[in-house]
Amino acid sequence: MAAERQVKLFRNGANQAVRIPRDLELPGKDALMWKEGSRLVIEPVAARSLRAVLATLEPLDEELPQIDDRSPEPVDL
């Protein structure tokens, strides 16, 4: 775990922001943030699994062509 660091807070328009030092950077482009009492917790968003992405897709409403599923020709090794 990284050592504790004091960081600067600043305004970015109507938002308060914090400059995250390079050695404490989070991976990716998104993070989750919440308060636990007076503590502010920021953690990286876990990458979505392929299964989760596929579950968001609508089913196909079309017939797929039949595929001639023959056994492969024998190969002499």
C-alpha atoms as a PDB file:
ATOM      1  CA  MET A   1       0.000   0.000   0.000  1.00  0.00           C
ATOM      2  CA  ALA A   2       1.251   3.488  -0.861  1.00  0.00           C
ATOM      3  CA  ALA A   3       2.367   5.869   1.874  1.00  0.00           C
ATOM      4  CA  GLU A   4      -0.007   8.565   3.071  1.00  0.00           C
ATOM      5  CA  ARG A   5       0.244  11.830   1.125  1.00  0.00           C
ATOM      6  CA  GLN A   6      -1.120  15.317   1.669  1.00  0.00           C
ATOM      7  CA  VAL A   7      -2.770  16.591  -1.532  1.00  0.00           C
ATOM      8  CA  LYS A   8      -4.150  19.938  -2.687  1.00  0.00           C
ATOM      9  CA  LEU A   9      -7.849  20.582  -3.236  1.00  0.00           C
ATOM     10  CA  PHE A  10      -8.943  23.098  -5.872  1.00  0.00           C
ATOM     11  CA  ARG A  11     -12.056  24.309  -7.669  1.00  0.00           C
ATOM     12  CA  ASN A  12     -12.913  23.176 -11.183  1.00  0.00           C
ATOM     13  CA  GLY A  13     -15.973  25.219 -12.109  1.00  0.00           C
ATOM     14  CA  ALA A  14     -18.669  24.366  -9.565  1.00  0.00           C
ATOM     15  CA  ASN A  15     -16.840  21.201  -8.441  1.00  0.00           C
ATOM     16  CA  GLN A  16     -14.145  20.623  -5.876  1.00  0.00           C
ATOM     17  CA  ALA A  17     -11.299  18.516  -7.245  1.00  0.00           C
ATOM     18  CA  VAL A  18      -8.170  16.833  -5.960  1.00  0.00           C
ATOM     19  CA  ARG A  19      -4.906  16.365  -7.813  1.00  0.00           C
ATOM     20  CA  ILE A  20      -3.949  12.690  -7.490  1.00  0.00           C
ATOM     21  CA  PRO A  21      -0.171  12.134  -7.365  1.00  0.00           C
ATOM     22  CA  ARG A  22       1.241   9.833 -10.046  1.00  0.00           C
ATOM     23  CA  ASP A  23       2.196   7.117  -7.562  1.00  0.00           C
ATOM     24  CA  LEU A  24      -1.433   6.974  -6.353  1.00  0.00           C
ATOM     25  CA  GLU A  25      -3.133   7.034  -9.781  1.00  0.00           C
ATOM     26  CA  LEU A  26      -6.055   4.700 -10.384  1.00  0.00           C
ATOM     27  CA  PRO A  27      -6.261   2.528 -13.506  1.00  0.00           C
ATOM     28  CA  GLY A  28      -8.868   3.209 -16.184  1.00  0.00           C
ATOM     29  CA  LYS A  29     -11.022   6.266 -16.821  1.00  0.00           C
ATOM     30  CA  ASP A  30     -13.818   5.717 -14.281  1.00  0.00           C
ATOM     31  CA  ALA A  31     -13.949   5.396 -10.508  1.00  0.00           C
ATOM     32  CA  LEU A  32     -16.539   4.980  -7.771  1.00  0.00           C
ATOM     33  CA  MET A  33     -16.663   7.557  -4.971  1.00  0.00           C
ATOM     34  CA  TRP A  34     -18.562   7.580  -1.687  1.00  0.00           C
ATOM     35  CA  LYS A  35     -18.362   8.968   1.819  1.00  0.00           C
ATOM     36  CA  GLU A  36     -17.845   6.863   4.928  1.00  0.00           C
ATOM     37  CA  GLY A  37     -18.425   9.303   7.758  1.00  0.00           C
ATOM     38  CA  SER A  38     -15.886  12.093   7.201  1.00  0.00           C
ATOM     39  CA  ARG A  39     -13.735   9.937   4.868  1.00  0.00           C
ATOM     40  CA  LEU A  40     -13.959  10.158   1.086  1.00  0.00           C
ATOM     41  CA  VAL A  41     -13.289   6.824  -0.625  1.00  0.00           C
ATOM     42  CA  ILE A  42     -12.360   6.540  -4.309  1.00  0.00           C
ATOM     43  CA  GLU A  43     -11.788   3.177  -5.985  1.00  0.00           C
ATOM     44  CA  PRO A  44     -11.377   2.067  -9.595  1.00  0.00           C
ATOM     45  CA  VAL A  45     -14.354   0.603 -11.419  1.00  0.00           C
ATOM     46  CA  ALA A  46     -13.780  -3.074 -12.133  1.00  0.00           C
ATOM     47  CA  ALA A  47     -13.713  -3.948 -15.824  1.00  0.00           C
ATOM     48  CA  ARG A  48     -16.995  -5.449 -16.962  1.00  0.00           C
ATOM     49  CA  SER A  49     -16.841  -9.085 -17.918  1.00  0.00           C
ATOM     50  CA  LEU A  50     -17.733 -10.210 -21.434  1.00  0.00           C
ATOM     51  CA  ARG A  51     -20.719 -12.039 -19.935  1.00  0.00           C
ATOM     52  CA  ALA A  52     -22.015  -8.776 -18.419  1.00  0.00           C
ATOM     53  CA  VAL A  53     -21.632  -6.936 -21.746  1.00  0.00           C
ATOM     54  CA  LEU A  54     -23.375  -9.735 -23.681  1.00  0.00           C
ATOM     55  CA  ALA A  55     -26.254  -9.739 -21.176  1.00  0.00           C
ATOM     56  CA  THR A  56     -27.058  -6.134 -22.184  1.00  0.00           C
ATOM     57  CA  LEU A  57     -27.518  -7.034 -25.879  1.00  0.00           C
ATOM     58  CA  GLU A  58     -30.945  -7.600 -27.424  1.00  0.00           C
ATOM     59  CA  PRO A  59     -31.564 -11.066 -28.902  1.00  0.00           C
ATOM     60  CA  LEU A  60     -31.453 -11.436 -32.698  1.00  0.00           C
ATOM     61  CA  ASP A  61     -34.835 -11.750 -34.416  1.00  0.00           C
ATOM     62  CA  GLU A  62     -33.526 -13.412 -37.554  1.00  0.00           C
ATOM     63  CA  GLU A  63     -32.919 -16.955 -38.675  1.00  0.00           C
ATOM     64  CA  LEU A  64     -29.309 -17.961 -39.036  1.00  0.00           C
ATOM     65  CA  PRO A  65     -28.370 -20.143 -42.020  1.00  0.00           C
ATOM     66  CA  GLN A  66     -27.817 -23.856 -41.527  1.00  0.00           C
ATOM     67  CA  ILE A  67     -24.153 -24.815 -41.474  1.00  0.00           C
ATOM     68  CA  ASP A  68     -22.997 -28.080 -42.998  1.00  0.00           C
ATOM     69  CA  ASP A  69     -21.205 -29.463 -39.939  1.00  0.00           C
ATOM     70  CA  ARG A  70     -19.235 -32.321 -41.423  1.00  0.00           C
ATOM     71  CA  SER A  71     -16.496 -34.163 -39.631  1.00  0.00           C
ATOM     72  CA  PRO A  72     -13.024 -33.062 -40.701  1.00  0.00           C
ATOM     73  CA  GLU A  73     -11.129 -35.172 -43.207  1.00  0.00           C
ATOM     74  CA  PRO A  74      -8.643 -37.542 -41.549  1.00  0.00           C
ATOM     75  CA  VAL A  75      -5.039 -36.352 -41.551  1.00  0.00           C
ATOM     76  CA  ASP A  76      -2.093 -38.703 -41.706  1.00  0.00           C
ATOM     77  CA  LEU A  77       0.557 -37.470 -39.301  1.00  0.00           C
END
